[in-house]
Amino acid sequence: MAKVELKQPIVEEIKESLNDAKTVVLVDYRGLTVEQDTKLRKTLREAGVIYKVYKNTMVKLAIDGTEFDSIKDDLEGPTAVAVSKTDATAAARVLAKFAKENPALEIKSGIVEGTYYDAQGISKIATIPSREELISKFLGSIQSPITNFARVIKQIAESKEA
């Protein structure tokens, strides 16, 4: 069997995982122990993030001509790919938190909703709360004035009855 035939399923797997992805983050995992890597994979899995190590040439073939093409230059050395299809900040958030605790993990770059970010940009995106957190904060801030308004109306109605 030719080498191309062996590589094609891997390239297709990468393309499939990138299909409809909101975020792709590249990290250098050199220096992580097996225990640390297992912990990282578990944390990412719980956050709904796909985390895999592929050969750089395979990733380059898979992203050629796609919106993820701009990360090609960062595919040097040992590289792991973290892909999030649901929460745009989940991969960056989990990886940045883990990198603080384990300096051996180095964030290279990433693409969040079609925009390229370097390591510093991904670290800034990691500070953004998840969509669910933002919605709950927004609803809480809307609910507070309405609740206060309802209390005032109720007090006015009670004072007119008395």
N, C-alpha and C. Protein backbone atom coordinates (compact mmCIF):
# COMPACT_ATOMS: atom_id res chain seq x y z
N MET A 1 0.85 -1.17 0.00
CA MET A 1 0.00 0.00 0.00
C MET A 1 0.89 1.24 0.00
N ALA A 2 0.56 2.23 -0.79
CA ALA A 2 1.37 3.45 -0.91
C ALA A 2 1.22 4.31 0.34
N LYS A 3 2.22 5.14 0.57
CA LYS A 3 2.20 6.01 1.74
C LYS A 3 1.02 6.98 1.71
N VAL A 4 0.67 7.45 0.54
CA VAL A 4 -0.44 8.39 0.40
C VAL A 4 -1.74 7.75 0.87
N GLU A 5 -1.94 6.47 0.54
CA GLU A 5 -3.15 5.77 0.96
C GLU A 5 -3.21 5.60 2.47
N LEU A 6 -2.05 5.50 3.12
CA LEU A 6 -2.02 5.38 4.58
C LEU A 6 -2.29 6.72 5.25
N LYS A 7 -1.86 7.80 4.62
CA LYS A 7 -2.00 9.13 5.20
C LYS A 7 -3.40 9.70 5.01
N GLN A 8 -4.07 9.32 3.95
CA GLN A 8 -5.37 9.90 3.62
C GLN A 8 -6.41 9.76 4.74
N PRO A 9 -6.55 8.60 5.39
CA PRO A 9 -7.54 8.50 6.47
C PRO A 9 -7.23 9.44 7.64
N ILE A 10 -5.96 9.65 7.91
CA ILE A 10 -5.57 10.56 9.01
C ILE A 10 -5.93 11.99 8.64
N VAL A 11 -5.64 12.38 7.41
CA VAL A 11 -5.97 13.73 6.94
C VAL A 11 -7.49 13.93 6.99
N GLU A 12 -8.24 12.92 6.58
CA GLU A 12 -9.71 13.00 6.63
C GLU A 12 -10.21 13.13 8.07
N GLU A 13 -9.58 12.41 8.99
CA GLU A 13 -9.96 12.50 10.40
C GLU A 13 -9.74 13.91 10.93
N ILE A 14 -8.62 14.52 10.57
CA ILE A 14 -8.33 15.89 10.99
C ILE A 14 -9.35 16.85 10.39
N LYS A 15 -9.63 16.69 9.10
CA LYS A 15 -10.62 17.56 8.45
C LYS A 15 -11.98 17.44 9.13
N GLU A 16 -12.36 16.21 9.48
CA GLU A 16 -13.65 15.99 10.14
C GLU A 16 -13.70 16.66 11.50
N SER A 17 -12.60 16.58 12.26
CA SER A 17 -12.59 17.21 13.59
C SER A 17 -12.60 18.74 13.47
N LEU A 18 -12.06 19.28 12.38
CA LEU A 18 -12.06 20.73 12.18
C LEU A 18 -13.36 21.24 11.57
N ASN A 19 -14.16 20.33 11.03
CA ASN A 19 -15.42 20.71 10.43
C ASN A 19 -16.33 21.33 11.49
N ASP A 20 -16.82 22.55 11.25
CA ASP A 20 -17.69 23.30 12.17
C ASP A 20 -17.01 23.65 13.49
N ALA A 21 -15.70 23.68 13.53
CA ALA A 21 -14.99 24.04 14.76
C ALA A 21 -15.04 25.54 14.98
N LYS A 22 -15.29 25.93 16.22
CA LYS A 22 -15.27 27.35 16.57
C LYS A 22 -13.86 27.79 16.94
N THR A 23 -13.10 26.87 17.54
CA THR A 23 -11.77 27.21 18.01
C THR A 23 -10.79 26.08 17.74
N VAL A 24 -9.57 26.47 17.32
CA VAL A 24 -8.46 25.53 17.19
C VAL A 24 -7.27 26.18 17.88
N VAL A 25 -6.68 25.48 18.83
CA VAL A 25 -5.51 26.00 19.55
C VAL A 25 -4.37 25.00 19.40
N LEU A 26 -3.19 25.51 19.08
CA LEU A 26 -1.99 24.68 18.97
C LEU A 26 -1.14 24.85 20.21
N VAL A 27 -0.65 23.75 20.76
CA VAL A 27 0.21 23.81 21.94
C VAL A 27 1.44 22.93 21.75
N ASP A 28 2.51 23.33 22.43
CA ASP A 28 3.74 22.53 22.48
C ASP A 28 3.69 21.80 23.81
N TYR A 29 3.60 20.49 23.76
CA TYR A 29 3.42 19.68 24.96
C TYR A 29 4.74 19.10 25.49
N ARG A 30 5.87 19.48 24.89
CA ARG A 30 7.17 18.96 25.31
C ARG A 30 7.40 19.22 26.79
N GLY A 31 7.84 18.21 27.50
CA GLY A 31 8.16 18.37 28.91
C GLY A 31 7.06 17.96 29.86
N LEU A 32 5.87 17.67 29.34
CA LEU A 32 4.78 17.20 30.21
C LEU A 32 5.01 15.74 30.56
N THR A 33 4.74 15.41 31.81
CA THR A 33 4.82 14.01 32.21
C THR A 33 3.56 13.30 31.73
N VAL A 34 3.57 12.00 31.77
CA VAL A 34 2.40 11.22 31.36
C VAL A 34 1.22 11.56 32.26
N GLU A 35 1.48 11.72 33.55
CA GLU A 35 0.43 12.05 34.51
C GLU A 35 -0.18 13.42 34.19
N GLN A 36 0.65 14.40 33.88
CA GLN A 36 0.16 15.73 33.53
C GLN A 36 -0.65 15.70 32.24
N ASP A 37 -0.14 14.97 31.25
CA ASP A 37 -0.84 14.87 29.97
C ASP A 37 -2.19 14.19 30.14
N THR A 38 -2.25 13.17 30.95
CA THR A 38 -3.52 12.47 31.21
C THR A 38 -4.51 13.41 31.88
N LYS A 39 -4.03 14.18 32.84
CA LYS A 39 -4.89 15.14 33.54
C LYS A 39 -5.40 16.20 32.56
N LEU A 40 -4.53 16.70 31.69
CA LEU A 40 -4.91 17.70 30.69
C LEU A 40 -5.97 17.13 29.75
N ARG A 41 -5.76 15.93 29.26
CA ARG A 41 -6.71 15.31 28.33
C ARG A 41 -8.08 15.13 29.00
N LYS A 42 -8.08 14.73 30.26
CA LYS A 42 -9.33 14.53 30.99
C LYS A 42 -10.07 15.86 31.15
N THR A 43 -9.34 16.90 31.52
CA THR A 43 -9.95 18.22 31.70
C THR A 43 -10.53 18.75 30.39
N LEU A 44 -9.78 18.57 29.31
CA LEU A 44 -10.26 19.03 28.00
C LEU A 44 -11.48 18.23 27.56
N ARG A 45 -11.46 16.93 27.78
CA ARG A 45 -12.60 16.08 27.41
C ARG A 45 -13.86 16.52 28.16
N GLU A 46 -13.71 16.83 29.46
CA GLU A 46 -14.86 17.27 30.26
C GLU A 46 -15.40 18.61 29.76
N ALA A 47 -14.53 19.43 29.17
CA ALA A 47 -14.96 20.74 28.63
C ALA A 47 -15.48 20.62 27.20
N GLY A 48 -15.49 19.41 26.65
CA GLY A 48 -16.00 19.20 25.30
C GLY A 48 -15.00 19.56 24.21
N VAL A 49 -13.71 19.48 24.54
CA VAL A 49 -12.66 19.84 23.60
C VAL A 49 -11.96 18.58 23.10
N ILE A 50 -11.75 18.50 21.78
CA ILE A 50 -11.02 17.39 21.18
C ILE A 50 -9.54 17.74 21.22
N TYR A 51 -8.72 16.85 21.77
CA TYR A 51 -7.28 17.11 21.92
C TYR A 51 -6.51 15.93 21.36
N LYS A 52 -5.73 16.17 20.31
CA LYS A 52 -4.97 15.09 19.70
C LYS A 52 -3.62 15.58 19.23
N VAL A 53 -2.71 14.63 19.11
CA VAL A 53 -1.38 14.91 18.56
C VAL A 53 -1.32 14.25 17.19
N TYR A 54 -1.05 15.08 16.19
CA TYR A 54 -0.90 14.61 14.82
C TYR A 54 0.46 15.05 14.29
N LYS A 55 0.90 14.41 13.23
CA LYS A 55 2.11 14.88 12.55
C LYS A 55 1.78 16.22 11.91
N ASN A 56 2.74 17.14 11.99
CA ASN A 56 2.52 18.48 11.45
C ASN A 56 2.18 18.46 9.96
N THR A 57 2.80 17.56 9.21
CA THR A 57 2.52 17.50 7.77
C THR A 57 1.07 17.09 7.51
N MET A 58 0.54 16.22 8.35
CA MET A 58 -0.85 15.79 8.19
C MET A 58 -1.81 16.96 8.46
N VAL A 59 -1.51 17.72 9.50
CA VAL A 59 -2.36 18.87 9.83
C VAL A 59 -2.27 19.91 8.71
N LYS A 60 -1.07 20.14 8.19
CA LYS A 60 -0.89 21.10 7.09
C LYS A 60 -1.71 20.68 5.87
N LEU A 61 -1.72 19.39 5.56
CA LEU A 61 -2.52 18.90 4.43
C LEU A 61 -4.01 19.10 4.69
N ALA A 62 -4.43 18.89 5.92
CA ALA A 62 -5.85 18.99 6.26
C ALA A 62 -6.35 20.43 6.26
N ILE A 63 -5.51 21.38 6.68
CA ILE A 63 -5.97 22.77 6.79
C ILE A 63 -5.71 23.58 5.53
N ASP A 64 -5.03 23.01 4.57
CA ASP A 64 -4.71 23.72 3.34
C ASP A 64 -5.99 24.20 2.65
N GLY A 65 -6.08 25.53 2.47
CA GLY A 65 -7.23 26.12 1.80
C GLY A 65 -8.45 26.32 2.67
N THR A 66 -8.33 26.10 3.97
CA THR A 66 -9.46 26.32 4.88
C THR A 66 -9.24 27.60 5.68
N GLU A 67 -10.19 27.93 6.54
CA GLU A 67 -10.06 29.12 7.38
C GLU A 67 -8.95 28.96 8.43
N PHE A 68 -8.47 27.75 8.61
CA PHE A 68 -7.42 27.49 9.60
C PHE A 68 -6.02 27.53 8.98
N ASP A 69 -5.94 27.93 7.74
CA ASP A 69 -4.69 27.95 6.99
C ASP A 69 -3.62 28.85 7.63
N SER A 70 -4.05 29.87 8.37
CA SER A 70 -3.09 30.83 8.94
C SER A 70 -2.25 30.26 10.09
N ILE A 71 -2.59 29.11 10.61
CA ILE A 71 -1.79 28.52 11.70
C ILE A 71 -0.68 27.62 11.17
N LYS A 72 -0.58 27.50 9.85
CA LYS A 72 0.42 26.63 9.22
C LYS A 72 1.84 26.91 9.71
N ASP A 73 2.18 28.19 9.83
CA ASP A 73 3.55 28.57 10.21
C ASP A 73 3.91 28.13 11.63
N ASP A 74 2.90 27.91 12.47
CA ASP A 74 3.14 27.52 13.86
C ASP A 74 3.25 26.01 14.03
N LEU A 75 3.09 25.27 12.97
CA LEU A 75 3.17 23.81 13.04
C LEU A 75 4.63 23.37 12.89
N GLU A 76 5.39 23.62 13.94
CA GLU A 76 6.80 23.23 13.98
C GLU A 76 7.07 22.58 15.33
N GLY A 77 7.83 21.52 15.33
CA GLY A 77 8.13 20.83 16.58
C GLY A 77 6.93 20.04 17.07
N PRO A 78 7.03 19.47 18.26
CA PRO A 78 5.91 18.70 18.81
C PRO A 78 4.69 19.59 19.02
N THR A 79 3.61 19.27 18.35
CA THR A 79 2.42 20.10 18.41
C THR A 79 1.18 19.24 18.65
N ALA A 80 0.36 19.69 19.59
CA ALA A 80 -0.93 19.06 19.83
C ALA A 80 -2.01 20.05 19.39
N VAL A 81 -3.13 19.52 18.94
CA VAL A 81 -4.22 20.35 18.44
C VAL A 81 -5.43 20.17 19.36
N ALA A 82 -5.96 21.31 19.83
CA ALA A 82 -7.17 21.30 20.66
C ALA A 82 -8.28 21.96 19.85
N VAL A 83 -9.40 21.26 19.67
CA VAL A 83 -10.50 21.75 18.85
C VAL A 83 -11.77 21.79 19.68
N SER A 84 -12.44 22.95 19.64
CA SER A 84 -13.72 23.09 20.33
C SER A 84 -14.79 23.43 19.31
N LYS A 85 -15.87 22.65 19.32
CA LYS A 85 -16.94 22.88 18.36
C LYS A 85 -18.13 23.60 18.98
N THR A 86 -18.20 23.66 20.30
CA THR A 86 -19.36 24.26 20.94
C THR A 86 -19.04 25.61 21.58
N ASP A 87 -18.12 25.64 22.51
CA ASP A 87 -17.77 26.86 23.24
C ASP A 87 -16.49 27.45 22.64
N ALA A 88 -16.58 28.68 22.16
CA ALA A 88 -15.45 29.29 21.47
C ALA A 88 -14.26 29.56 22.38
N THR A 89 -14.49 29.67 23.69
CA THR A 89 -13.38 29.99 24.59
C THR A 89 -12.92 28.80 25.42
N ALA A 90 -13.59 27.67 25.32
CA ALA A 90 -13.30 26.53 26.20
C ALA A 90 -11.87 26.02 26.05
N ALA A 91 -11.43 25.79 24.83
CA ALA A 91 -10.08 25.26 24.62
C ALA A 91 -9.03 26.22 25.16
N ALA A 92 -9.16 27.50 24.83
CA ALA A 92 -8.20 28.50 25.31
C ALA A 92 -8.21 28.59 26.82
N ARG A 93 -9.41 28.57 27.41
CA ARG A 93 -9.54 28.70 28.86
C ARG A 93 -8.87 27.54 29.60
N VAL A 94 -9.16 26.32 29.18
CA VAL A 94 -8.61 25.13 29.84
C VAL A 94 -7.09 25.07 29.66
N LEU A 95 -6.63 25.32 28.43
CA LEU A 95 -5.19 25.23 28.15
C LEU A 95 -4.41 26.33 28.88
N ALA A 96 -4.95 27.54 28.93
CA ALA A 96 -4.25 28.63 29.62
C ALA A 96 -4.17 28.36 31.12
N LYS A 97 -5.25 27.86 31.69
CA LYS A 97 -5.25 27.53 33.12
C LYS A 97 -4.23 26.42 33.41
N PHE A 98 -4.21 25.41 32.55
CA PHE A 98 -3.28 24.31 32.74
C PHE A 98 -1.83 24.77 32.55
N ALA A 99 -1.61 25.67 31.60
CA ALA A 99 -0.25 26.18 31.33
C ALA A 99 0.29 26.99 32.51
N LYS A 100 -0.61 27.66 33.25
CA LYS A 100 -0.18 28.41 34.44
C LYS A 100 0.34 27.45 35.51
N GLU A 101 -0.35 26.33 35.66
CA GLU A 101 0.04 25.34 36.67
C GLU A 101 1.21 24.48 36.21
N ASN A 102 1.34 24.29 34.90
CA ASN A 102 2.39 23.44 34.32
C ASN A 102 3.11 24.21 33.21
N PRO A 103 4.17 24.93 33.56
CA PRO A 103 4.85 25.78 32.58
C PRO A 103 5.44 25.02 31.39
N ALA A 104 5.52 23.71 31.45
CA ALA A 104 6.05 22.93 30.32
C ALA A 104 5.12 23.02 29.12
N LEU A 105 3.81 23.23 29.35
CA LEU A 105 2.85 23.36 28.26
C LEU A 105 2.93 24.79 27.73
N GLU A 106 3.14 24.91 26.44
CA GLU A 106 3.30 26.23 25.82
C GLU A 106 2.25 26.41 24.73
N ILE A 107 1.45 27.44 24.86
CA ILE A 107 0.45 27.75 23.83
C ILE A 107 1.17 28.43 22.68
N LYS A 108 0.96 27.93 21.47
CA LYS A 108 1.61 28.49 20.29
C LYS A 108 0.75 29.57 19.63
N SER A 109 -0.45 29.18 19.24
CA SER A 109 -1.37 30.11 18.57
C SER A 109 -2.72 29.43 18.45
N GLY A 110 -3.63 30.11 17.77
CA GLY A 110 -4.94 29.52 17.56
C GLY A 110 -5.82 30.35 16.68
N ILE A 111 -6.95 29.79 16.35
CA ILE A 111 -7.96 30.49 15.57
C ILE A 111 -9.27 30.38 16.34
N VAL A 112 -9.86 31.53 16.61
CA VAL A 112 -11.13 31.57 17.33
C VAL A 112 -12.14 32.25 16.41
N GLU A 113 -13.16 31.49 16.02
CA GLU A 113 -14.22 31.94 15.13
C GLU A 113 -13.67 32.68 13.91
N GLY A 114 -12.67 32.06 13.28
CA GLY A 114 -12.14 32.56 12.02
C GLY A 114 -11.02 33.58 12.12
N THR A 115 -10.66 34.00 13.34
CA THR A 115 -9.61 35.01 13.52
C THR A 115 -8.38 34.38 14.14
N TYR A 116 -7.21 34.69 13.55
CA TYR A 116 -5.94 34.15 14.04
C TYR A 116 -5.48 34.94 15.27
N TYR A 117 -4.99 34.23 16.29
CA TYR A 117 -4.42 34.85 17.49
C TYR A 117 -3.10 34.18 17.82
N ASP A 118 -2.13 34.97 18.25
CA ASP A 118 -0.87 34.41 18.71
C ASP A 118 -1.06 33.94 20.15
N ALA A 119 0.02 33.52 20.80
CA ALA A 119 -0.07 32.98 22.17
C ALA A 119 -0.66 34.00 23.14
N GLN A 120 -0.27 35.27 23.02
CA GLN A 120 -0.80 36.30 23.91
C GLN A 120 -2.29 36.51 23.68
N GLY A 121 -2.70 36.49 22.42
CA GLY A 121 -4.12 36.66 22.10
C GLY A 121 -4.96 35.52 22.65
N ILE A 122 -4.46 34.31 22.53
CA ILE A 122 -5.18 33.15 23.07
C ILE A 122 -5.28 33.26 24.59
N SER A 123 -4.21 33.75 25.24
CA SER A 123 -4.24 33.94 26.70
C SER A 123 -5.30 34.97 27.09
N LYS A 124 -5.46 36.01 26.29
CA LYS A 124 -6.50 37.01 26.57
C LYS A 124 -7.89 36.43 26.37
N ILE A 125 -8.05 35.63 25.33
CA ILE A 125 -9.35 35.00 25.07
C ILE A 125 -9.70 34.03 26.20
N ALA A 126 -8.70 33.45 26.82
CA ALA A 126 -8.93 32.51 27.92
C ALA A 126 -9.61 33.19 29.11
N THR A 127 -9.49 34.50 29.22
CA THR A 127 -10.10 35.21 30.34
C THR A 127 -11.59 35.48 30.13
N ILE A 128 -12.07 35.27 28.90
CA ILE A 128 -13.49 35.49 28.60
C ILE A 128 -14.30 34.32 29.15
N PRO A 129 -15.34 34.61 29.93
CA PRO A 129 -16.17 33.51 30.45
C PRO A 129 -16.91 32.79 29.33
N SER A 130 -17.41 31.61 29.65
CA SER A 130 -18.14 30.83 28.65
C SER A 130 -19.45 31.53 28.30
N ARG A 131 -20.04 31.11 27.21
CA ARG A 131 -21.30 31.71 26.74
C ARG A 131 -22.38 31.59 27.81
N GLU A 132 -22.47 30.43 28.45
CA GLU A 132 -23.49 30.21 29.48
C GLU A 132 -23.31 31.16 30.67
N GLU A 133 -22.04 31.36 31.07
CA GLU A 133 -21.77 32.29 32.17
C GLU A 133 -22.17 33.71 31.80
N LEU A 134 -21.85 34.12 30.58
CA LEU A 134 -22.20 35.47 30.13
C LEU A 134 -23.72 35.66 30.08
N ILE A 135 -24.43 34.65 29.60
CA ILE A 135 -25.89 34.74 29.54
C ILE A 135 -26.48 34.82 30.94
N SER A 136 -25.97 34.01 31.87
CA SER A 136 -26.52 34.04 33.23
C SER A 136 -26.23 35.38 33.90
N LYS A 137 -25.05 35.96 33.66
CA LYS A 137 -24.75 37.28 34.22
C LYS A 137 -25.67 38.34 33.62
N PHE A 138 -25.90 38.24 32.32
CA PHE A 138 -26.78 39.19 31.65
C PHE A 138 -28.20 39.09 32.19
N LEU A 139 -28.71 37.86 32.31
CA LEU A 139 -30.07 37.67 32.83
C LEU A 139 -30.18 38.14 34.28
N GLY A 140 -29.13 37.92 35.05
CA GLY A 140 -29.12 38.39 36.43
C GLY A 140 -29.17 39.91 36.51
N SER A 141 -28.44 40.56 35.62
CA SER A 141 -28.44 42.03 35.63
C SER A 141 -29.77 42.59 35.14
N ILE A 142 -30.46 41.87 34.27
CA ILE A 142 -31.78 42.31 33.82
C ILE A 142 -32.83 42.07 34.90
N GLN A 143 -32.71 40.94 35.57
CA GLN A 143 -33.71 40.55 36.55
C GLN A 143 -33.71 41.48 37.77
N SER A 144 -32.57 41.96 38.17
CA SER A 144 -32.46 42.78 39.38
C SER A 144 -33.30 44.05 39.30
N PRO A 145 -33.21 44.87 38.26
CA PRO A 145 -34.05 46.08 38.22
C PRO A 145 -35.54 45.76 38.14
N ILE A 146 -35.89 44.69 37.43
CA ILE A 146 -37.30 44.31 37.32
C ILE A 146 -37.84 43.91 38.68
N THR A 147 -37.06 43.14 39.44
CA THR A 147 -37.47 42.73 40.78
C THR A 147 -37.64 43.93 41.69
N ASN A 148 -36.68 44.85 41.64
CA ASN A 148 -36.78 46.06 42.45
C ASN A 148 -38.00 46.89 42.07
N PHE A 149 -38.27 47.00 40.78
CA PHE A 149 -39.43 47.75 40.30
C PHE A 149 -40.73 47.11 40.81
N ALA A 150 -40.79 45.77 40.79
CA ALA A 150 -41.98 45.06 41.26
C ALA A 150 -42.18 45.30 42.76
N ARG A 151 -41.11 45.33 43.53
CA ARG A 151 -41.22 45.59 44.98
C ARG A 151 -41.75 46.98 45.24
N VAL A 152 -41.27 47.97 44.50
CA VAL A 152 -41.72 49.36 44.68
C VAL A 152 -43.19 49.47 44.34
N ILE A 153 -43.63 48.86 43.26
CA ILE A 153 -45.04 48.90 42.87
C ILE A 153 -45.90 48.24 43.95
N LYS A 154 -45.44 47.13 44.48
CA LYS A 154 -46.17 46.42 45.52
C LYS A 154 -46.28 47.28 46.78
N GLN A 155 -45.21 47.96 47.16
CA GLN A 155 -45.23 48.84 48.34
C GLN A 155 -46.17 50.02 48.14
N ILE A 156 -46.20 50.57 46.93
CA ILE A 156 -47.11 51.68 46.63
C ILE A 156 -48.54 51.20 46.72
N ALA A 157 -48.83 50.02 46.18
CA ALA A 157 -50.19 49.47 46.22
C ALA A 157 -50.61 49.19 47.68
N GLU A 158 -49.69 48.66 48.48
CA GLU A 158 -50.01 48.37 49.90
C GLU A 158 -50.23 49.67 50.67
N SER A 159 -49.48 50.71 50.37
CA SER A 159 -49.64 51.98 51.10
C SER A 159 -50.94 52.67 50.73
N LYS A 160 -51.43 52.49 49.51
CA LYS A 160 -52.71 53.09 49.10
C LYS A 160 -53.87 52.33 49.69
N GLU A 161 -53.71 51.01 49.95
CA GLU A 161 -54.78 50.23 50.56
C GLU A 161 -54.94 50.61 52.03
N ALA A 162 -53.87 50.99 52.68
CA ALA A 162 -53.93 51.29 54.12
C ALA A 162 -54.40 52.67 54.41
